[in-house]
């Protein structure tokens, strides 16, 4: 006697298998707690942005003003 499974039962089994795979993957991941400086040269200096008078024949947009309040949508 062959046992036929319904679509719902197969979906439940698939969901359980996916959850188990995700759980195994998350347990394998080790978090990096190394906060040392990496990738940025410590001798780099910030370059000033050029003004519109420094570049001939250039039309630059006005500089964006910094918001004085948080970006709250209401």
PDB file of N, CA and C in Angstrom:
ATOM      1  N   UNK A   1       0.840  -1.187   0.000  1.00  0.00           N
ATOM      2  CA  UNK A   1       0.000   0.000   0.000  1.00  0.00           C
ATOM      3  C   UNK A   1       0.882   1.248   0.000  1.00  0.00           C
ATOM      4  N   UNK A   2       0.814   1.974  -1.059  1.00  0.00           N
ATOM      5  CA  UNK A   2       1.624   3.188  -1.144  1.00  0.00           C
ATOM      6  C   UNK A   2       0.886   4.329  -0.448  1.00  0.00           C
ATOM      7  N   UNK A   3       1.669   5.096   0.266  1.00  0.00           N
ATOM      8  CA  UNK A   3       1.076   6.208   1.016  1.00  0.00           C
ATOM      9  C   UNK A   3       1.166   7.473   0.168  1.00  0.00           C
ATOM     10  N   UNK A   4       0.039   8.081  -0.123  1.00  0.00           N
ATOM     11  CA  UNK A   4       0.032   9.315  -0.894  1.00  0.00           C
ATOM     12  C   UNK A   4      -0.051  10.495   0.069  1.00  0.00           C
ATOM     13  N   UNK A   5       0.799  11.466  -0.149  1.00  0.00           N
ATOM     14  CA  UNK A   5       0.790  12.660   0.700  1.00  0.00           C
ATOM     15  C   UNK A   5       0.113  13.790  -0.052  1.00  0.00           C
ATOM     16  N   UNK A   6      -0.618  14.564   0.703  1.00  0.00           N
ATOM     17  CA  UNK A   6      -1.289  15.701   0.103  1.00  0.00           C
ATOM     18  C   UNK A   6      -0.316  16.863  -0.080  1.00  0.00           C
ATOM     19  N   UNK A   7      -0.784  17.863  -0.762  1.00  0.00           N
ATOM     20  CA  UNK A   7       0.029  19.041  -1.049  1.00  0.00           C
ATOM     21  C   UNK A   7       0.402  19.762   0.250  1.00  0.00           C
ATOM     22  N   UNK A   8      -0.552  19.847   1.164  1.00  0.00           N
ATOM     23  CA  UNK A   8      -0.282  20.535   2.436  1.00  0.00           C
ATOM     24  C   UNK A   8       0.808  19.817   3.230  1.00  0.00           C
ATOM     25  N   UNK A   9       0.732  18.496   3.260  1.00  0.00           N
ATOM     26  CA  UNK A   9       1.729  17.726   4.001  1.00  0.00           C
ATOM     27  C   UNK A   9       3.113  17.917   3.375  1.00  0.00           C
ATOM     28  N   UNK A  10       3.192  17.925   2.056  1.00  0.00           N
ATOM     29  CA  UNK A  10       4.472  18.145   1.373  1.00  0.00           C
ATOM     30  C   UNK A  10       5.014  19.548   1.635  1.00  0.00           C
ATOM     31  N   UNK A  11       4.107  20.543   1.647  1.00  0.00           N
ATOM     32  CA  UNK A  11       4.533  21.917   1.944  1.00  0.00           C
ATOM     33  C   UNK A  11       5.074  22.023   3.361  1.00  0.00           C
ATOM     34  N   UNK A  12       4.429  21.352   4.310  1.00  0.00           N
ATOM     35  CA  UNK A  12       4.903  21.373   5.700  1.00  0.00           C
ATOM     36  C   UNK A  12       6.282  20.738   5.813  1.00  0.00           C
ATOM     37  N   UNK A  13       6.472  19.620   5.123  1.00  0.00           N
ATOM     38  CA  UNK A  13       7.771  18.955   5.171  1.00  0.00           C
ATOM     39  C   UNK A  13       8.858  19.824   4.536  1.00  0.00           C
ATOM     40  N   UNK A  14       8.511  20.482   3.437  1.00  0.00           N
ATOM     41  CA  UNK A  14       9.476  21.370   2.778  1.00  0.00           C
ATOM     42  C   UNK A  14       9.838  22.540   3.669  1.00  0.00           C
ATOM     43  N   UNK A  15       8.853  23.121   4.333  1.00  0.00           N
ATOM     44  CA  UNK A  15       9.093  24.239   5.236  1.00  0.00           C
ATOM     45  C   UNK A  15       9.975  23.808   6.405  1.00  0.00           C
ATOM     46  N   UNK A  16       9.696  22.622   6.968  1.00  0.00           N
ATOM     47  CA  UNK A  16      10.506  22.108   8.073  1.00  0.00           C
ATOM     48  C   UNK A  16      11.943  21.868   7.619  1.00  0.00           C
ATOM     49  N   UNK A  17      12.121  21.350   6.406  1.00  0.00           N
ATOM     50  CA  UNK A  17      13.468  21.102   5.881  1.00  0.00           C
ATOM     51  C   UNK A  17      14.216  22.406   5.667  1.00  0.00           C
ATOM     52  N   UNK A  18      13.527  23.417   5.151  1.00  0.00           N
ATOM     53  CA  UNK A  18      14.172  24.725   4.942  1.00  0.00           C
ATOM     54  C   UNK A  18      14.588  25.341   6.274  1.00  0.00           C
ATOM     55  N   UNK A  19      13.709  25.243   7.271  1.00  0.00           N
ATOM     56  CA  UNK A  19      14.039  25.784   8.593  1.00  0.00           C
ATOM     57  C   UNK A  19      15.246  25.079   9.186  1.00  0.00           C
ATOM     58  N   UNK A  20      15.314  23.774   9.028  1.00  0.00           N
ATOM     59  CA  UNK A  20      16.450  23.002   9.546  1.00  0.00           C
ATOM     60  C   UNK A  20      17.750  23.400   8.834  1.00  0.00           C
ATOM     61  N   UNK A  21      17.692  23.576   7.506  1.00  0.00           N
ATOM     62  CA  UNK A  21      18.878  24.004   6.750  1.00  0.00           C
ATOM     63  C   UNK A  21      19.337  25.386   7.204  1.00  0.00           C
ATOM     64  N   UNK A  22      18.392  26.327   7.382  1.00  0.00           N
ATOM     65  CA  UNK A  22      18.745  27.678   7.827  1.00  0.00           C
ATOM     66  C   UNK A  22      19.364  27.643   9.214  1.00  0.00           C
ATOM     67  N   UNK A  23      18.784  26.831  10.111  1.00  0.00           N
ATOM     68  CA  UNK A  23      19.296  26.723  11.475  1.00  0.00           C
ATOM     69  C   UNK A  23      20.726  26.171  11.479  1.00  0.00           C
ATOM     70  N   UNK A  24      20.986  25.148  10.665  1.00  0.00           N
ATOM     71  CA  UNK A  24      22.332  24.591  10.575  1.00  0.00           C
ATOM     72  C   UNK A  24      23.311  25.620  10.023  1.00  0.00           C
ATOM     73  N   UNK A  25      22.869  26.391   9.018  1.00  0.00           N
ATOM     74  CA  UNK A  25      23.743  27.407   8.413  1.00  0.00           C
ATOM     75  C   UNK A  25      24.065  28.519   9.417  1.00  0.00           C
ATOM     76  N   UNK A  26      23.066  28.968  10.177  1.00  0.00           N
ATOM     77  CA  UNK A  26      23.290  30.031  11.155  1.00  0.00           C
ATOM     78  C   UNK A  26      24.213  29.570  12.281  1.00  0.00           C
ATOM     79  N   UNK A  27      24.157  28.291  12.643  1.00  0.00           N
ATOM     80  CA  UNK A  27      25.030  27.777  13.691  1.00  0.00           C
ATOM     81  C   UNK A  27      26.475  27.687  13.226  1.00  0.00           C
ATOM     82  N   UNK A  28      26.693  27.508  11.917  1.00  0.00           N
ATOM     83  CA  UNK A  28      28.046  27.413  11.379  1.00  0.00           C
ATOM     84  C   UNK A  28      28.733  28.769  11.275  1.00  0.00           C
ATOM     85  N   UNK A  29      27.963  29.849  11.147  1.00  0.00           N
ATOM     86  CA  UNK A  29      28.535  31.176  10.949  1.00  0.00           C
ATOM     87  C   UNK A  29      29.151  31.668  12.255  1.00  0.00           C
ATOM     88  N   UNK A  30      30.404  32.130  12.176  1.00  0.00           N
ATOM     89  CA  UNK A  30      31.050  32.744  13.336  1.00  0.00           C
ATOM     90  C   UNK A  30      31.100  34.246  13.103  1.00  0.00           C
ATOM     91  N   UNK A  31      30.747  35.006  14.103  1.00  0.00           N
ATOM     92  CA  UNK A  31      30.735  36.449  13.966  1.00  0.00           C
ATOM     93  C   UNK A  31      32.130  37.001  14.205  1.00  0.00           C
ATOM     94  N   UNK A  32      32.517  37.976  13.405  1.00  0.00           N
ATOM     95  CA  UNK A  32      33.814  38.596  13.516  1.00  0.00           C
ATOM     96  C   UNK A  32      33.705  39.793  14.456  1.00  0.00           C
ATOM     97  N   UNK A  33      34.419  39.737  15.559  1.00  0.00           N
ATOM     98  CA  UNK A  33      34.389  40.829  16.529  1.00  0.00           C
ATOM     99  C   UNK A  33      35.684  41.636  16.489  1.00  0.00           C
ATOM    100  N   UNK A  34      36.393  41.588  15.367  1.00  0.00           N
ATOM    101  CA  UNK A  34      37.638  42.321  15.222  1.00  0.00           C
ATOM    102  C   UNK A  34      37.315  43.714  14.698  1.00  0.00           C
ATOM    103  N   UNK A  35      37.443  44.712  15.551  1.00  0.00           N
ATOM    104  CA  UNK A  35      37.114  46.081  15.171  1.00  0.00           C
ATOM    105  C   UNK A  35      38.363  46.904  14.851  1.00  0.00           C
ATOM    106  N   UNK A  36      39.453  46.240  14.498  1.00  0.00           N
ATOM    107  CA  UNK A  36      40.675  46.970  14.174  1.00  0.00           C
ATOM    108  C   UNK A  36      40.516  47.686  12.838  1.00  0.00           C
ATOM    109  N   UNK A  37      41.331  48.699  12.648  1.00  0.00           N
ATOM    110  CA  UNK A  37      41.285  49.491  11.433  1.00  0.00           C
ATOM    111  C   UNK A  37      41.752  48.642  10.272  1.00  0.00           C
ATOM    112  N   UNK A  38      40.997  48.584   9.237  1.00  0.00           N
ATOM    113  CA  UNK A  38      41.393  47.764   8.097  1.00  0.00           C
ATOM    114  C   UNK A  38      40.923  48.378   6.799  1.00  0.00           C
ATOM    115  N   UNK A  39      41.794  48.378   5.819  1.00  0.00           N
ATOM    116  CA  UNK A  39      41.413  48.819   4.491  1.00  0.00           C
ATOM    117  C   UNK A  39      41.608  50.296   4.229  1.00  0.00           C
ATOM    118  N   UNK A  40      41.672  51.129   5.251  1.00  0.00           N
ATOM    119  CA  UNK A  40      41.820  52.567   5.056  1.00  0.00           C
ATOM    120  C   UNK A  40      43.236  52.961   5.454  1.00  0.00           C
ATOM    121  N   UNK A  41      43.883  53.683   4.583  1.00  0.00           N
ATOM    122  CA  UNK A  41      45.234  54.135   4.876  1.00  0.00           C
ATOM    123  C   UNK A  41      45.164  55.221   5.953  1.00  0.00           C
ATOM    124  N   UNK A  42      45.891  55.074   7.065  1.00  0.00           N
ATOM    125  CA  UNK A  42      45.807  56.085   8.129  1.00  0.00           C
ATOM    126  C   UNK A  42      46.414  57.436   7.731  1.00  0.00           C
ATOM    127  N   UNK A  43      47.159  57.482   6.641  1.00  0.00           N
ATOM    128  CA  UNK A  43      47.790  58.739   6.213  1.00  0.00           C
ATOM    129  C   UNK A  43      46.934  59.525   5.225  1.00  0.00           C
ATOM    130  N   UNK A  44      45.733  59.063   4.935  1.00  0.00           N
ATOM    131  CA  UNK A  44      44.894  59.774   3.974  1.00  0.00           C
ATOM    132  C   UNK A  44      44.392  61.079   4.573  1.00  0.00           C
ATOM    133  N   UNK A  45      44.309  62.074   3.745  1.00  0.00           N
ATOM    134  CA  UNK A  45      43.822  63.388   4.165  1.00  0.00           C
ATOM    135  C   UNK A  45      42.610  63.742   3.329  1.00  0.00           C
ATOM    136  N   UNK A  46      41.685  64.459   3.911  1.00  0.00           N
ATOM    137  CA  UNK A  46      40.498  64.845   3.160  1.00  0.00           C
ATOM    138  C   UNK A  46      40.833  65.990   2.224  1.00  0.00           C
ATOM    139  N   UNK A  47      40.344  65.869   1.012  1.00  0.00           N
ATOM    140  CA  UNK A  47      40.580  66.904   0.015  1.00  0.00           C
ATOM    141  C   UNK A  47      39.393  67.859   0.024  1.00  0.00           C
ATOM    142  N   UNK A  48      39.649  69.139  -0.029  1.00  0.00           N
ATOM    143  CA  UNK A  48      38.522  70.085  -0.066  1.00  0.00           C
ATOM    144  C   UNK A  48      37.818  70.012  -1.421  1.00  0.00           C
ATOM    145  N   UNK A  49      36.500  70.179  -1.393  1.00  0.00           N
ATOM    146  CA  UNK A  49      35.739  70.174  -2.631  1.00  0.00           C
ATOM    147  C   UNK A  49      36.031  71.458  -3.410  1.00  0.00           C
ATOM    148  N   UNK A  50      36.153  71.349  -4.709  1.00  0.00           N
ATOM    149  CA  UNK A  50      36.428  72.563  -5.489  1.00  0.00           C
ATOM    150  C   UNK A  50      35.189  73.453  -5.574  1.00  0.00           C
ATOM    151  N   UNK A  51      35.422  74.729  -5.565  1.00  0.00           N
ATOM    152  CA  UNK A  51      34.334  75.692  -5.729  1.00  0.00           C
ATOM    153  C   UNK A  51      34.034  75.850  -7.209  1.00  0.00           C
ATOM    154  N   UNK A  52      32.940  76.502  -7.531  1.00  0.00           N
ATOM    155  CA  UNK A  52      32.595  76.696  -8.936  1.00  0.00           C
ATOM    156  C   UNK A  52      33.586  77.643  -9.616  1.00  0.00           C
ATOM    157  N   UNK A  53      34.267  78.476  -8.856  1.00  0.00           N
ATOM    158  CA  UNK A  53      35.247  79.384  -9.462  1.00  0.00           C
ATOM    159  C   UNK A  53      36.553  78.668  -9.795  1.00  0.00           C
ATOM    160  N   UNK A  54      36.807  77.525  -9.157  1.00  0.00           N
ATOM    161  CA  UNK A  54      38.031  76.782  -9.427  1.00  0.00           C
ATOM    162  C   UNK A  54      37.968  76.032 -10.753  1.00  0.00           C
ATOM    163  N   UNK A  55      36.758  75.672 -11.204  1.00  0.00           N
ATOM    164  CA  UNK A  55      36.597  74.910 -12.437  1.00  0.00           C
ATOM    165  C   UNK A  55      36.035  75.853 -13.498  1.00  0.00           C
ATOM    166  N   UNK A  56      36.764  76.051 -14.578  1.00  0.00           N
ATOM    167  CA  UNK A  56      36.254  76.957 -15.618  1.00  0.00           C
ATOM    168  C   UNK A  56      35.095  76.316 -16.390  1.00  0.00           C
ATOM    169  N   UNK A  57      34.154  77.118 -16.789  1.00  0.00           N
ATOM    170  CA  UNK A  57      32.999  76.699 -17.581  1.00  0.00           C
ATOM    171  C   UNK A  57      32.216  75.562 -16.929  1.00  0.00           C
ATOM    172  N   UNK A  58      32.068  75.611 -15.625  1.00  0.00           N
ATOM    173  CA  UNK A  58      31.291  74.580 -14.932  1.00  0.00           C
ATOM    174  C   UNK A  58      30.153  75.234 -14.184  1.00  0.00           C
ATOM    175  N   UNK A  59      28.983  74.645 -14.313  1.00  0.00           N
ATOM    176  CA  UNK A  59      27.822  75.127 -13.569  1.00  0.00           C
ATOM    177  C   UNK A  59      27.496  74.060 -12.535  1.00  0.00           C
ATOM    178  N   UNK A  60      27.765  74.344 -11.282  1.00  0.00           N
ATOM    179  CA  UNK A  60      27.524  73.401 -10.212  1.00  0.00           C
ATOM    180  C   UNK A  60      26.246  73.764  -9.469  1.00  0.00           C
ATOM    181  N   UNK A  61      25.571  72.766  -8.982  1.00  0.00           N
ATOM    182  CA  UNK A  61      24.364  73.004  -8.199  1.00  0.00           C
ATOM    183  C   UNK A  61      24.760  73.552  -6.831  1.00  0.00           C
ATOM    184  N   UNK A  62      23.872  74.306  -6.197  1.00  0.00           N
ATOM    185  CA  UNK A  62      24.199  74.810  -4.866  1.00  0.00           C
ATOM    186  C   UNK A  62      24.363  73.652  -3.876  1.00  0.00           C
ATOM    187  N   UNK A  63      25.187  73.888  -2.868  1.00  0.00           N
ATOM    188  CA  UNK A  63      25.442  72.840  -1.888  1.00  0.00           C
ATOM    189  C   UNK A  63      24.170  72.548  -1.102  1.00  0.00           C
ATOM    190  N   UNK A  64      23.990  71.276  -0.746  1.00  0.00           N
ATOM    191  CA  UNK A  64      22.805  70.857  -0.024  1.00  0.00           C
ATOM    192  C   UNK A  64      22.901  71.304   1.434  1.00  0.00           C
ATOM    193  N   UNK A  65      21.815  71.844   1.950  1.00  0.00           N
ATOM    194  CA  UNK A  65      21.806  72.267   3.343  1.00  0.00           C
ATOM    195  C   UNK A  65      21.563  71.063   4.234  1.00  0.00           C
ATOM    196  N   UNK A  66      22.214  71.034   5.374  1.00  0.00           N
ATOM    197  CA  UNK A  66      22.050  69.938   6.315  1.00  0.00           C
ATOM    198  C   UNK A  66      20.736  70.128   7.065  1.00  0.00           C
ATOM    199  N   UNK A  67      19.962  69.034   7.192  1.00  0.00           N
ATOM    200  CA  UNK A  67      18.686  69.114   7.898  1.00  0.00           C
ATOM    201  C   UNK A  67      18.923  69.360   9.385  1.00  0.00           C
ATOM    202  N   UNK A  68      18.070  70.175   9.976  1.00  0.00           N
ATOM    203  CA  UNK A  68      18.211  70.481  11.397  1.00  0.00           C
ATOM    204  C   UNK A  68      17.405  69.530  12.269  1.00  0.00           C
ATOM    205  N   UNK A  69      16.555  68.720  11.655  1.00  0.00           N
ATOM    206  CA  UNK A  69      15.769  67.762  12.417  1.00  0.00           C
ATOM    207  C   UNK A  69      15.898  66.388  11.778  1.00  0.00           C
ATOM    208  N   UNK A  70      15.454  65.395  12.499  1.00  0.00           N
ATOM    209  CA  UNK A  70      15.538  64.032  11.983  1.00  0.00           C
ATOM    210  C   UNK A  70      14.583  63.856  10.822  1.00  0.00           C
ATOM    211  N   UNK A  71      14.863  62.859  10.005  1.00  0.00           N
ATOM    212  CA  UNK A  71      14.016  62.569   8.838  1.00  0.00           C
ATOM    213  C   UNK A  71      12.816  61.745   9.302  1.00  0.00           C
ATOM    214  N   UNK A  72      11.807  62.416   9.798  1.00  0.00           N
ATOM    215  CA  UNK A  72      10.593  61.763  10.279  1.00  0.00           C
ATOM    216  C   UNK A  72       9.484  62.045   9.261  1.00  0.00           C
ATOM    217  N   UNK A  73       8.832  61.021   8.738  1.00  0.00           N
ATOM    218  CA  UNK A  73       7.861  61.247   7.676  1.00  0.00           C
ATOM    219  C   UNK A  73       6.566  61.917   8.107  1.00  0.00           C
ATOM    220  N   UNK A  74       6.305  62.099   9.361  1.00  0.00           N
ATOM    221  CA  UNK A  74       5.045  62.741   9.770  1.00  0.00           C
ATOM    222  C   UNK A  74       5.288  64.053  10.443  1.00  0.00           C
TER     223      UNK A  74
END
